[in-house]
Amino acid sequence: MKLRLLHLEDNGDDIELVRSTLARDGLDCEVLAVETRAAYQAALQQPHFDAVLSDSSVLGYDGSEALSDARARFPGIPFIVVSAGALDNKQSTRSAITAQVAKSEIHRLGPTLRRILVDPAAPPDAGANDTNTGAAAPAGMRHLVAIAQRLSLARDLPSIMDIVRREARALVHADGATFVLRDGELCFYAEEDAIAPLWKGQRFPLDASASGWAMLNRQPVAIEDVFVDTRVPHDVYRPTFVKSLAMVPIRTVAPVGAIGVYWASTHRATPEEIELLQALADSTSIAMETAERFTNLEHELAERTAEVERCHTQLELLNKELEAFSYSVAHDLRSPLITIDGFAQVLVENTAGQLDEPNRQHLERISTAVRRMHRLINDLLGLSKVVRAPVQAGTVDLSALAREIQKRLRESAPNRAAEFIIAEGLTARGDPGLLRTALENLMSNAWKFTSRKEMARLEFGSSVDRTGRTVYHVRDNGAGFDPRYAGKLFSPFQRLHPETQFPGSGIGLAIVQRIIHRHGGEIWAESALDCGAAFYFTLPR
């Protein structure tokens, strides 16, 4: 297993001493030596290192700073201090480094590295100063964890392929890597990262390529010599640098692709390397499924958004049609009614004393019907305005509104005996104009249906229900209604009492309901015949 090390040291003799010591101990290492802060930080931007070796300090750069920079780029990477002195006396710093090796005992560096990176089960070297045995996990596995974390954040296939093509190569120190997707009966080489071009953008039959073999057989394949193995097309490999390869399937059940790595010199992939690559493929499979779900959710959201926009457009058209209808009602329908009413009055005046009683009553009925039609038109227009009017939210003093309505009701019938009970300090969040209309309709309704009582009693107050909501109520002691027909109360022109008893068009409560609903509240009623009625409503907090 070849190790890739980053060595921070400003003494050239010590750099050479570390290299020769590791080679003498039989460790295959590629050591990148840097002497300054800038060179060290630039080196950390490279894809992968198995460990960092560091002096306690170089000119203008402390070893504890080097530790922080290394861990910020590669969390959990082994950090070994190779120094004549201690790195730092702080307990937090001592516990963060993996091991310390004195330059005077440089012969212990090889065994320390071997135990940390190659054989974690080996007993610690007696002379080595281990400070963090928990960091002794294999470097490849720590690298894999970091890759999995990056894959978990990828939200589309190109991002996943970009991560995998680079990291698969670094994970096993290969000279090239490819990301292969299954395309029906073909292998599509979608991405690559290599020392020279491979097959990006090309397609090969499943049964005539190593990636196809891995997918069809749902297992990894390692080929030490590509020119003697019958599972690869030799003519395809001959123009490339590839001498050896390993290929693992992405998903072992119904594979969707494969990850391939290649070496420019003959290389027999170890079981550990195959295990790392297969674990990477498994993480890639999860990332691909997550990205597909994310893409589907985005498409669904886009479709829902488009549907909402279509509904909004249709609603605007309906509102324009409603405005046109309201205009027609307000102008075109009123005009003939005015004409009918006017000529009926002329006829009454011109035939004064000439018509018998039945014909005079007929004319009176015509005038009454015309006036009723005027009221219905006005009520319809009022309902239309409530539906279309924008809600301007503000703080509304409902108690003050109720007192103003009480004053107007008393002035309309000064001889009526009535008691008003209005709670103080009731406020709500909503449109002042619309809430005034709603409360006026509720209180006027109560005033109308208590007209036959010797002493009318009207109450406006509130309570708090079990969920903590404020529930407002308008309660009276009037005629009430049969609770079996409560569902008709808030429908336009639905009446529970004959007009001869209590006049009205039956539109007021429909207006109230629409106002409350437009504020996001609820409204309901409770009553019994001759036992009064109570109307309850809620408004958002």
Protein backbone atom coordinates (compact mmCIF):
# COMPACT_ATOMS: atom_id res chain seq x y z
CA MET A 1 0.00 0.00 0.00
CA LYS A 2 1.57 3.26 -1.12
CA LEU A 3 1.24 6.10 1.39
CA ARG A 4 1.00 9.76 0.43
CA LEU A 5 2.40 12.06 3.14
CA LEU A 6 2.59 15.85 3.54
CA HIS A 7 5.71 16.92 5.47
CA LEU A 8 6.04 20.43 6.93
CA GLU A 9 9.77 20.97 7.65
CA ASP A 10 12.17 23.85 6.92
CA ASN A 11 15.39 21.85 7.43
CA GLY A 12 16.49 20.04 4.26
CA ASP A 13 18.61 17.51 6.15
CA ASP A 14 15.64 16.52 8.34
CA ILE A 15 13.44 16.13 5.25
CA GLU A 16 15.93 13.71 3.72
CA LEU A 17 16.32 11.91 7.05
CA VAL A 18 12.54 11.24 7.22
CA ARG A 19 12.44 9.96 3.64
CA SER A 20 15.40 7.60 4.06
CA THR A 21 14.07 6.33 7.41
CA LEU A 22 10.68 5.44 5.95
CA ALA A 23 12.29 3.76 2.93
CA ARG A 24 14.63 1.75 5.20
CA ASP A 25 11.57 0.57 7.18
CA GLY A 26 10.02 -0.81 3.98
CA LEU A 27 7.21 1.75 3.72
CA ASP A 28 6.28 2.76 0.17
CA CYS A 29 5.74 6.51 0.63
CA GLU A 30 5.31 9.51 -1.62
CA VAL A 31 6.40 12.46 0.55
CA LEU A 32 5.54 16.02 -0.43
CA ALA A 33 7.85 18.26 1.61
CA VAL A 34 7.00 21.96 2.10
CA GLU A 35 8.96 24.56 4.04
CA THR A 36 6.57 27.56 4.45
CA ARG A 37 3.05 28.34 5.55
CA ALA A 38 1.99 29.31 2.00
CA ALA A 39 3.37 26.11 0.44
CA TYR A 40 1.74 24.00 3.16
CA GLN A 41 -1.67 25.61 2.76
CA ALA A 42 -1.45 25.27 -1.04
CA ALA A 43 -0.56 21.57 -0.71
CA LEU A 44 -3.63 21.00 1.49
CA GLN A 45 -5.81 21.88 -1.52
CA GLN A 46 -4.69 18.69 -3.29
CA PRO A 47 -7.19 15.78 -3.27
CA HIS A 48 -5.80 13.49 -0.59
CA PHE A 49 -3.02 12.71 1.91
CA ASP A 50 -2.83 9.69 4.20
CA ALA A 51 -1.11 11.64 6.97
CA VAL A 52 0.63 14.89 7.83
CA LEU A 53 4.11 15.05 9.38
CA SER A 54 5.00 18.38 10.97
CA ASP A 55 7.83 20.07 12.82
CA SER A 56 6.77 21.91 15.99
CA SER A 57 7.21 25.15 14.05
CA VAL A 58 8.70 26.71 10.93
CA LEU A 59 9.50 30.37 10.36
CA GLY A 60 6.32 32.37 11.10
CA TYR A 61 4.09 29.31 11.38
CA ASP A 62 3.38 27.33 14.53
CA GLY A 63 2.72 23.58 14.43
CA SER A 64 -0.62 24.00 16.24
CA GLU A 65 -1.75 26.28 13.39
CA ALA A 66 -0.65 23.63 10.90
CA LEU A 67 -2.73 21.10 12.83
CA SER A 68 -5.83 23.32 12.66
CA ASP A 69 -5.40 23.94 8.93
CA ALA A 70 -4.95 20.22 8.20
CA ARG A 71 -8.01 19.17 10.18
CA ALA A 72 -10.13 21.91 8.57
CA ARG A 73 -9.33 20.45 5.13
CA PHE A 74 -9.23 16.73 6.07
CA PRO A 75 -11.17 16.05 9.30
CA GLY A 76 -9.63 13.19 11.20
CA ILE A 77 -6.42 12.97 9.14
CA PRO A 78 -3.51 11.58 11.22
CA PHE A 79 -1.20 14.41 12.33
CA ILE A 80 2.21 13.29 13.56
CA VAL A 81 4.66 15.73 15.13
CA VAL A 82 8.28 14.99 14.17
CA SER A 83 10.24 17.50 16.20
CA ALA A 84 13.05 18.12 18.63
CA GLY A 85 10.58 19.76 21.03
CA ALA A 86 6.93 19.54 22.07
CA LEU A 87 4.22 21.02 19.84
CA ASP A 88 2.20 22.77 22.51
CA ASN A 89 1.63 22.46 26.23
CA LYS A 90 -2.13 22.89 25.91
CA GLN A 91 -4.12 19.74 26.73
CA SER A 92 -6.50 20.40 23.81
CA THR A 93 -3.62 20.49 21.34
CA ARG A 94 -1.93 17.41 22.79
CA SER A 95 -5.16 15.41 22.54
CA ALA A 96 -5.78 16.55 18.96
CA ILE A 97 -2.52 15.27 17.46
CA THR A 98 -2.20 11.58 16.60
CA ALA A 99 1.36 10.91 17.70
CA GLN A 100 4.72 12.56 18.48
CA VAL A 101 8.11 11.25 17.43
CA ALA A 102 11.32 12.89 18.62
CA LYS A 103 13.94 13.53 15.93
CA SER A 104 16.46 11.93 18.22
CA GLU A 105 14.39 8.73 17.95
CA ILE A 106 13.51 9.00 14.28
CA HIS A 107 13.78 5.20 13.97
CA ARG A 108 10.36 5.04 15.68
CA LEU A 109 8.60 6.98 12.88
CA GLY A 110 8.25 3.94 10.59
CA PRO A 111 6.61 1.66 13.21
CA THR A 112 4.33 4.52 14.29
CA LEU A 113 3.16 5.14 10.73
CA ARG A 114 2.76 1.42 10.09
CA ARG A 115 0.55 0.98 13.15
CA ILE A 116 -1.58 4.04 12.39
CA LEU A 117 -2.03 3.59 8.63
CA VAL A 118 -1.21 0.00 7.70
CA ASP A 119 -1.94 -2.29 10.65
CA PRO A 120 -4.08 -0.60 13.34
CA ALA A 121 -4.27 -3.86 15.30
CA ALA A 122 -0.53 -3.88 15.91
CA PRO A 123 0.59 -3.02 19.49
CA PRO A 124 1.94 0.53 19.97
CA ASP A 125 5.69 1.06 19.81
CA ALA A 126 6.99 1.40 23.34
CA GLY A 127 9.08 4.44 22.61
CA ALA A 128 6.51 6.37 20.58
CA ASN A 129 4.51 9.10 22.26
CA ASP A 130 0.91 8.31 21.22
CA THR A 131 -1.52 11.09 22.08
CA ASN A 132 -4.73 10.02 20.34
CA THR A 133 -5.25 6.31 19.73
CA GLY A 134 -8.75 7.03 18.42
CA ALA A 135 -7.20 8.49 15.27
CA ALA A 136 -5.63 5.13 14.42
CA ALA A 137 -8.38 4.14 11.96
CA PRO A 138 -7.13 3.28 8.45
CA ALA A 139 -6.55 6.40 6.36
CA GLY A 140 -8.57 4.99 3.48
CA MET A 141 -11.64 4.59 5.65
CA ARG A 142 -11.32 8.15 6.97
CA HIS A 143 -11.02 9.36 3.39
CA LEU A 144 -14.10 7.35 2.46
CA VAL A 145 -16.11 8.93 5.28
CA ALA A 146 -15.15 12.39 4.01
CA ILE A 147 -16.22 11.40 0.48
CA ALA A 148 -19.56 10.07 1.76
CA GLN A 149 -20.19 13.37 3.52
CA ARG A 150 -19.61 15.27 0.28
CA LEU A 151 -21.83 12.86 -1.67
CA SER A 152 -24.66 13.34 0.82
CA LEU A 153 -24.76 17.03 -0.15
CA ALA A 154 -24.80 16.42 -3.93
CA ARG A 155 -28.16 17.20 -5.53
CA ASP A 156 -27.65 16.09 -9.14
CA LEU A 157 -25.87 13.39 -11.11
CA PRO A 158 -23.16 15.65 -12.61
CA SER A 159 -22.11 16.73 -9.11
CA ILE A 160 -21.98 13.09 -7.96
CA MET A 161 -19.88 12.04 -10.97
CA ASP A 162 -17.49 14.94 -10.45
CA ILE A 163 -16.85 13.89 -6.84
CA VAL A 164 -16.53 10.18 -7.57
CA ARG A 165 -14.24 10.41 -10.61
CA ARG A 166 -11.67 12.41 -8.60
CA GLU A 167 -11.97 10.71 -5.24
CA ALA A 168 -12.03 7.11 -6.56
CA ARG A 169 -8.62 7.73 -8.11
CA ALA A 170 -7.21 9.30 -4.92
CA LEU A 171 -8.76 6.64 -2.67
CA VAL A 172 -6.57 3.85 -4.08
CA HIS A 173 -3.75 5.98 -5.55
CA ALA A 174 -4.70 5.05 -9.12
CA ASP A 175 -3.67 6.77 -12.33
CA GLY A 176 -7.20 7.08 -13.68
CA ALA A 177 -10.85 6.60 -12.84
CA THR A 178 -14.10 6.39 -14.80
CA PHE A 179 -17.76 6.75 -13.92
CA VAL A 180 -19.84 4.37 -16.04
CA LEU A 181 -23.63 4.41 -16.43
CA ARG A 182 -25.75 1.57 -17.74
CA ASP A 183 -27.59 2.58 -20.91
CA GLY A 184 -29.80 -0.36 -21.82
CA GLU A 185 -27.43 -3.03 -23.15
CA LEU A 186 -24.54 -0.58 -23.33
CA CYS A 187 -21.96 0.87 -20.93
CA PHE A 188 -21.77 4.66 -21.18
CA TYR A 189 -18.47 6.13 -19.97
CA ALA A 190 -19.94 9.37 -18.63
CA GLU A 191 -16.98 10.87 -16.73
CA GLU A 192 -13.29 10.27 -16.11
CA ASP A 193 -10.23 11.62 -14.34
CA ALA A 194 -6.90 10.27 -15.58
CA ILE A 195 -3.32 11.05 -16.52
CA ALA A 196 -4.33 10.66 -20.18
CA PRO A 197 -7.65 10.40 -22.05
CA LEU A 198 -9.66 7.20 -21.68
CA TRP A 199 -13.15 6.70 -23.10
CA LYS A 200 -15.31 9.61 -21.91
CA GLY A 201 -18.49 9.90 -24.00
CA GLN A 202 -18.12 6.43 -25.58
CA ARG A 203 -20.42 3.40 -25.34
CA PHE A 204 -19.50 -0.29 -25.35
CA PRO A 205 -21.60 -3.49 -25.20
CA LEU A 206 -22.23 -4.83 -21.70
CA ASP A 207 -20.83 -8.23 -22.64
CA ALA A 208 -17.61 -6.79 -24.06
CA SER A 209 -16.22 -4.61 -21.27
CA ALA A 210 -15.02 -4.93 -17.70
CA SER A 211 -17.65 -2.47 -16.47
CA GLY A 212 -20.35 -4.54 -18.19
CA TRP A 213 -18.97 -7.70 -16.59
CA ALA A 214 -19.17 -6.08 -13.13
CA MET A 215 -22.76 -4.98 -13.74
CA LEU A 216 -23.96 -8.25 -15.29
CA ASN A 217 -22.33 -10.35 -12.58
CA ARG A 218 -23.13 -7.85 -9.82
CA GLN A 219 -19.67 -8.13 -8.27
CA PRO A 220 -16.28 -6.41 -8.39
CA VAL A 221 -13.59 -7.44 -10.85
CA ALA A 222 -9.83 -6.87 -10.53
CA ILE A 223 -7.57 -7.43 -13.56
CA GLU A 224 -3.81 -7.34 -13.06
CA ASP A 225 -2.97 -7.49 -16.78
CA VAL A 226 -5.60 -6.16 -19.17
CA PHE A 227 -3.91 -7.71 -22.21
CA VAL A 228 -4.27 -11.31 -21.06
CA ASP A 229 -7.80 -11.13 -19.62
CA THR A 230 -10.66 -12.06 -21.96
CA ARG A 231 -13.18 -9.82 -20.15
CA VAL A 232 -11.78 -6.67 -21.72
CA PRO A 233 -11.51 -5.65 -25.38
CA HIS A 234 -7.73 -5.47 -25.90
CA ASP A 235 -7.95 -3.19 -28.93
CA VAL A 236 -9.82 -0.60 -26.84
CA TYR A 237 -7.15 -0.60 -24.12
CA ARG A 238 -4.08 -0.70 -26.37
CA PRO A 239 -4.11 3.08 -27.17
CA THR A 240 -4.33 3.96 -23.48
CA PHE A 241 -1.87 3.94 -20.56
CA VAL A 242 -3.85 1.25 -18.71
CA LYS A 243 -2.03 -1.89 -17.54
CA SER A 244 -4.24 -2.95 -14.60
CA LEU A 245 -7.75 -2.12 -13.44
CA ALA A 246 -10.44 -2.70 -10.85
CA MET A 247 -14.17 -2.27 -11.48
CA VAL A 248 -17.02 -2.30 -8.94
CA PRO A 249 -20.79 -2.16 -9.65
CA ILE A 250 -22.98 0.69 -8.43
CA ARG A 251 -25.69 -1.31 -6.65
CA THR A 252 -25.39 -5.07 -6.40
CA VAL A 253 -29.13 -5.47 -7.08
CA ALA A 254 -29.99 -4.24 -10.58
CA PRO A 255 -26.75 -2.25 -11.03
CA VAL A 256 -27.13 1.19 -12.60
CA GLY A 257 -23.47 1.75 -13.32
CA ALA A 258 -19.90 1.03 -12.30
CA ILE A 259 -16.80 2.77 -10.97
CA GLY A 260 -13.48 1.86 -12.58
CA VAL A 261 -9.91 2.66 -11.53
CA TYR A 262 -6.77 2.12 -13.63
CA TRP A 263 -3.02 1.90 -13.09
CA ALA A 264 -0.30 2.75 -15.60
CA SER A 265 1.97 0.02 -14.20
CA THR A 266 1.07 -3.55 -13.33
CA HIS A 267 -0.87 -3.53 -10.08
CA ARG A 268 -2.73 -6.27 -8.25
CA ALA A 269 -5.67 -4.64 -6.46
CA THR A 270 -5.72 -5.67 -2.80
CA PRO A 271 -8.88 -6.85 -0.99
CA GLU A 272 -8.72 -3.64 1.06
CA GLU A 273 -8.73 -1.51 -2.10
CA ILE A 274 -11.67 -3.45 -3.55
CA GLU A 275 -13.53 -3.08 -0.25
CA LEU A 276 -12.95 0.69 -0.26
CA LEU A 277 -14.08 1.00 -3.88
CA GLN A 278 -17.22 -1.07 -3.29
CA ALA A 279 -18.06 1.04 -0.22
CA LEU A 280 -17.62 4.14 -2.39
CA ALA A 281 -19.96 2.59 -5.01
CA ASP A 282 -22.55 1.87 -2.31
CA SER A 283 -22.38 5.49 -1.10
CA THR A 284 -22.65 6.61 -4.72
CA SER A 285 -25.79 4.51 -5.20
CA ILE A 286 -27.45 6.16 -2.20
CA ALA A 287 -26.42 9.61 -3.44
CA MET A 288 -27.85 8.86 -6.92
CA GLU A 289 -31.17 7.71 -5.46
CA THR A 290 -31.32 10.78 -3.24
CA ALA A 291 -30.52 13.05 -6.19
CA GLU A 292 -33.23 11.36 -8.28
CA ARG A 293 -35.80 11.90 -5.52
CA PHE A 294 -34.64 15.50 -5.16
CA THR A 295 -34.98 16.02 -8.93
CA ASN A 296 -38.44 14.44 -8.91
CA LEU A 297 -39.46 16.73 -6.05
CA GLU A 298 -38.16 19.73 -7.96
CA HIS A 299 -40.16 18.68 -11.04
CA GLU A 300 -43.25 18.11 -8.92
CA LEU A 301 -42.77 21.49 -7.28
CA ALA A 302 -42.39 23.12 -10.69
CA GLU A 303 -45.58 21.42 -11.89
CA ARG A 304 -47.46 22.48 -8.75
CA THR A 305 -46.13 26.01 -9.13
CA ALA A 306 -47.26 26.09 -12.76
CA GLU A 307 -50.67 24.76 -11.72
CA VAL A 308 -50.95 27.45 -9.03
CA GLU A 309 -50.02 30.08 -11.63
CA ARG A 310 -52.66 28.69 -14.00
CA CYS A 311 -55.26 28.75 -11.22
CA HIS A 312 -54.20 32.28 -10.33
CA THR A 313 -54.65 33.35 -13.97
CA GLN A 314 -58.07 31.68 -14.09
CA LEU A 315 -59.01 33.36 -10.81
CA GLU A 316 -58.02 36.74 -12.22
CA LEU A 317 -60.21 36.07 -15.28
CA LEU A 318 -63.11 35.03 -13.05
CA ASN A 319 -62.67 38.15 -10.95
CA LYS A 320 -62.76 40.28 -14.09
CA GLU A 321 -65.92 38.48 -15.19
CA LEU A 322 -67.37 39.04 -11.73
CA GLU A 323 -66.53 42.73 -11.93
CA ALA A 324 -68.22 42.89 -15.34
CA PHE A 325 -71.27 41.10 -13.93
CA SER A 326 -71.39 43.46 -10.96
CA TYR A 327 -71.26 46.41 -13.32
CA SER A 328 -74.10 44.90 -15.33
CA VAL A 329 -76.13 44.37 -12.18
CA ALA A 330 -75.43 47.86 -10.89
CA HIS A 331 -76.28 49.65 -14.12
CA ASP A 332 -78.15 47.50 -16.63
CA LEU A 333 -80.54 45.73 -14.23
CA ARG A 334 -81.26 48.78 -12.10
CA SER A 335 -82.26 50.86 -15.13
CA PRO A 336 -85.40 48.88 -16.09
CA LEU A 337 -86.38 48.61 -12.41
CA ILE A 338 -86.24 52.37 -12.08
CA THR A 339 -88.37 52.66 -15.21
CA ILE A 340 -90.96 50.18 -13.89
CA ASP A 341 -91.12 51.89 -10.50
CA GLY A 342 -91.37 55.34 -12.08
CA PHE A 343 -94.22 54.46 -14.43
CA ALA A 344 -96.04 52.62 -11.62
CA GLN A 345 -95.97 55.81 -9.54
CA VAL A 346 -97.16 57.86 -12.54
CA LEU A 347 -99.99 55.42 -13.05
CA VAL A 348 -101.00 55.69 -9.38
CA GLU A 349 -101.01 59.48 -9.56
CA ASN A 350 -102.86 59.66 -12.91
CA THR A 351 -105.58 57.26 -11.83
CA ALA A 352 -106.12 58.59 -8.34
CA GLY A 353 -109.70 57.89 -7.37
CA GLN A 354 -110.41 56.03 -10.64
CA LEU A 355 -109.02 52.57 -9.80
CA ASP A 356 -110.98 50.13 -7.71
CA GLU A 357 -109.34 48.58 -4.68
CA PRO A 358 -108.09 45.34 -6.35
CA ASN A 359 -106.31 47.25 -9.15
CA ARG A 360 -104.82 49.74 -6.68
CA GLN A 361 -103.40 46.81 -4.69
CA HIS A 362 -101.92 45.35 -7.89
CA LEU A 363 -100.03 48.58 -8.47
CA GLU A 364 -98.85 48.61 -4.88
CA ARG A 365 -97.57 45.03 -5.26
CA ILE A 366 -95.63 46.07 -8.36
CA SER A 367 -93.95 48.90 -6.46
CA THR A 368 -93.17 46.62 -3.48
CA ALA A 369 -91.64 43.98 -5.73
CA VAL A 370 -89.52 46.61 -7.47
CA ARG A 371 -88.22 47.91 -4.15
CA ARG A 372 -87.45 44.36 -3.01
CA MET A 373 -85.55 43.76 -6.23
CA HIS A 374 -83.54 46.91 -5.57
CA ARG A 375 -82.57 45.57 -2.14
CA LEU A 376 -81.58 42.19 -3.57
CA ILE A 377 -79.38 43.88 -6.18
CA ASN A 378 -77.72 46.02 -3.51
CA ASP A 379 -77.14 42.95 -1.33
CA LEU A 380 -75.64 41.01 -4.24
CA LEU A 381 -73.30 43.90 -4.95
CA GLY A 382 -72.34 43.97 -1.28
CA LEU A 383 -71.53 40.25 -1.34
CA SER A 384 -69.49 40.70 -4.53
CA LYS A 385 -67.47 43.51 -2.98
CA VAL A 386 -66.70 41.41 0.08
CA VAL A 387 -65.42 38.56 -2.07
CA ARG A 388 -63.18 40.82 -4.16
CA ALA A 389 -62.07 43.43 -1.65
CA PRO A 390 -58.38 43.19 -0.59
CA VAL A 391 -57.80 42.49 3.10
CA GLN A 392 -55.82 45.31 4.73
CA ALA A 393 -54.61 43.92 8.05
CA GLY A 394 -54.50 46.10 11.11
CA THR A 395 -55.45 46.14 14.79
CA VAL A 396 -59.21 46.61 15.16
CA ASP A 397 -60.99 47.70 18.38
CA LEU A 398 -64.07 45.44 18.17
CA SER A 399 -65.53 46.79 21.40
CA ALA A 400 -65.54 50.35 20.01
CA LEU A 401 -67.15 49.12 16.78
CA ALA A 402 -69.87 47.32 18.74
CA ARG A 403 -70.68 50.49 20.71
CA GLU A 404 -70.99 52.51 17.47
CA ILE A 405 -73.35 49.88 16.01
CA GLN A 406 -75.37 49.84 19.26
CA LYS A 407 -75.84 53.61 19.02
CA ARG A 408 -77.09 53.38 15.43
CA LEU A 409 -79.52 50.54 16.25
CA ARG A 410 -81.03 52.47 19.18
CA GLU A 411 -81.47 55.55 17.00
CA SER A 412 -83.33 53.45 14.39
CA ALA A 413 -85.96 52.41 16.98
CA PRO A 414 -85.75 54.78 19.97
CA ASN A 415 -88.90 53.37 21.61
CA ARG A 416 -87.65 49.76 21.82
CA ALA A 417 -86.71 48.40 25.22
CA ALA A 418 -83.31 46.76 24.82
CA GLU A 419 -80.27 45.87 26.91
CA PHE A 420 -76.79 45.80 25.29
CA ILE A 421 -73.89 44.05 27.03
CA ILE A 422 -70.60 44.83 25.29
CA ALA A 423 -67.32 43.54 26.70
CA GLU A 424 -64.48 46.03 26.98
CA GLY A 425 -61.05 45.72 25.41
CA LEU A 426 -61.87 43.25 22.65
CA THR A 427 -59.42 43.66 19.77
CA ALA A 428 -58.49 41.59 16.72
CA ARG A 429 -56.10 41.59 13.79
CA GLY A 430 -57.89 42.16 10.48
CA ASP A 431 -59.35 44.56 7.95
CA PRO A 432 -61.20 47.36 9.81
CA GLY A 433 -63.81 47.91 7.08
CA LEU A 434 -64.63 44.24 6.55
CA LEU A 435 -64.77 43.45 10.28
CA ARG A 436 -67.11 46.44 10.77
CA THR A 437 -69.41 45.00 8.07
CA ALA A 438 -69.35 41.55 9.68
CA LEU A 439 -70.08 42.80 13.20
CA GLU A 440 -72.77 45.18 11.92
CA ASN A 441 -74.56 42.32 10.13
CA LEU A 442 -74.41 40.07 13.20
CA MET A 443 -75.69 42.73 15.59
CA SER A 444 -78.34 43.96 13.14
CA ASN A 445 -79.46 40.36 12.73
CA ALA A 446 -79.80 40.01 16.51
CA TRP A 447 -81.65 43.37 16.68
CA LYS A 448 -84.11 42.20 14.00
CA PHE A 449 -84.89 38.82 15.57
CA THR A 450 -85.46 40.33 19.04
CA SER A 451 -88.00 42.89 17.70
CA ARG A 452 -90.92 40.94 19.17
CA LYS A 453 -89.46 40.72 22.67
CA GLU A 454 -90.68 43.06 25.40
CA MET A 455 -87.06 43.45 26.54
CA ALA A 456 -84.44 42.63 23.93
CA ARG A 457 -81.04 41.47 25.15
CA LEU A 458 -77.94 41.63 22.94
CA GLU A 459 -74.45 40.61 24.04
CA PHE A 460 -71.03 40.92 22.42
CA GLY A 461 -68.15 39.22 24.20
CA SER A 462 -65.46 36.56 23.94
CA SER A 463 -64.02 33.47 25.60
CA VAL A 464 -60.96 31.23 25.22
CA ASP A 465 -61.44 27.63 24.05
CA ARG A 466 -59.39 24.56 24.98
CA THR A 467 -56.83 25.22 22.24
CA GLY A 468 -56.18 28.75 23.43
CA ARG A 469 -58.12 30.45 20.63
CA THR A 470 -60.15 33.58 21.31
CA VAL A 471 -63.77 32.93 20.31
CA TYR A 472 -65.96 36.03 19.85
CA HIS A 473 -69.76 35.80 20.14
CA VAL A 474 -72.89 37.82 19.42
CA ARG A 475 -75.76 36.43 21.50
CA ASP A 476 -79.45 37.43 21.71
CA ASN A 477 -82.71 36.33 23.33
CA GLY A 478 -84.74 36.51 20.11
CA ALA A 479 -86.72 34.09 17.96
CA GLY A 480 -83.83 31.66 17.43
CA PHE A 481 -83.99 28.94 14.78
CA ASP A 482 -84.39 25.21 14.38
CA PRO A 483 -80.82 23.76 14.76
CA ARG A 484 -81.63 21.11 12.13
CA TYR A 485 -81.43 23.82 9.46
CA ALA A 486 -78.30 25.56 10.75
CA GLY A 487 -76.45 24.56 7.57
CA LYS A 488 -78.61 26.96 5.55
CA LEU A 489 -77.78 30.00 7.63
CA PHE A 490 -74.74 31.15 5.69
CA SER A 491 -76.03 30.42 2.17
CA PRO A 492 -77.22 33.45 0.15
CA PHE A 493 -80.99 34.00 0.14
CA GLN A 494 -81.67 31.10 2.53
CA ARG A 495 -84.21 32.08 5.19
CA LEU A 496 -85.37 30.19 8.28
CA HIS A 497 -88.27 32.57 9.00
CA PRO A 498 -90.97 33.96 6.65
CA GLU A 499 -90.31 37.47 5.34
CA THR A 500 -93.68 38.53 6.68
CA GLN A 501 -92.35 37.92 10.22
CA PHE A 502 -88.80 39.23 9.85
CA PRO A 503 -88.00 41.16 6.65
CA GLY A 504 -84.67 40.84 4.83
CA SER A 505 -83.02 39.34 1.77
CA GLY A 506 -81.14 36.52 3.52
CA ILE A 507 -77.73 37.74 2.35
CA GLY A 508 -76.30 39.25 5.56
CA LEU A 509 -74.98 36.08 7.18
CA ALA A 510 -73.47 34.94 3.85
CA ILE A 511 -71.51 38.19 3.81
CA VAL A 512 -70.37 37.62 7.41
CA GLN A 513 -69.17 34.11 6.64
CA ARG A 514 -67.11 35.23 3.65
CA ILE A 515 -65.49 38.01 5.66
CA ILE A 516 -64.50 35.66 8.47
CA HIS A 517 -63.20 33.03 6.03
CA ARG A 518 -61.17 35.64 4.14
CA HIS A 519 -59.45 36.41 7.44
CA GLY A 520 -58.67 32.71 7.95
CA GLY A 521 -61.20 32.31 10.76
CA GLU A 522 -64.26 30.15 11.42
CA ILE A 523 -67.92 30.95 12.15
CA TRP A 524 -70.77 28.82 13.48
CA ALA A 525 -74.09 29.26 15.29
CA GLU A 526 -76.10 27.62 18.09
CA SER A 527 -79.78 28.10 18.79
CA ALA A 528 -83.19 26.63 19.48
CA LEU A 529 -86.63 27.93 18.48
CA ASP A 530 -87.79 30.80 20.72
CA CYS A 531 -84.61 30.47 22.81
CA GLY A 532 -82.40 33.08 21.16
CA ALA A 533 -79.30 32.52 19.05
CA ALA A 534 -75.55 32.73 19.50
CA PHE A 535 -73.10 33.31 16.64
CA TYR A 536 -69.46 32.45 17.31
CA PHE A 537 -66.43 33.39 15.21
CA THR A 538 -62.64 33.24 15.42
CA LEU A 539 -59.92 35.36 13.86
CA PRO A 540 -56.19 34.64 13.46
CA ARG A 541 -54.01 35.65 16.41
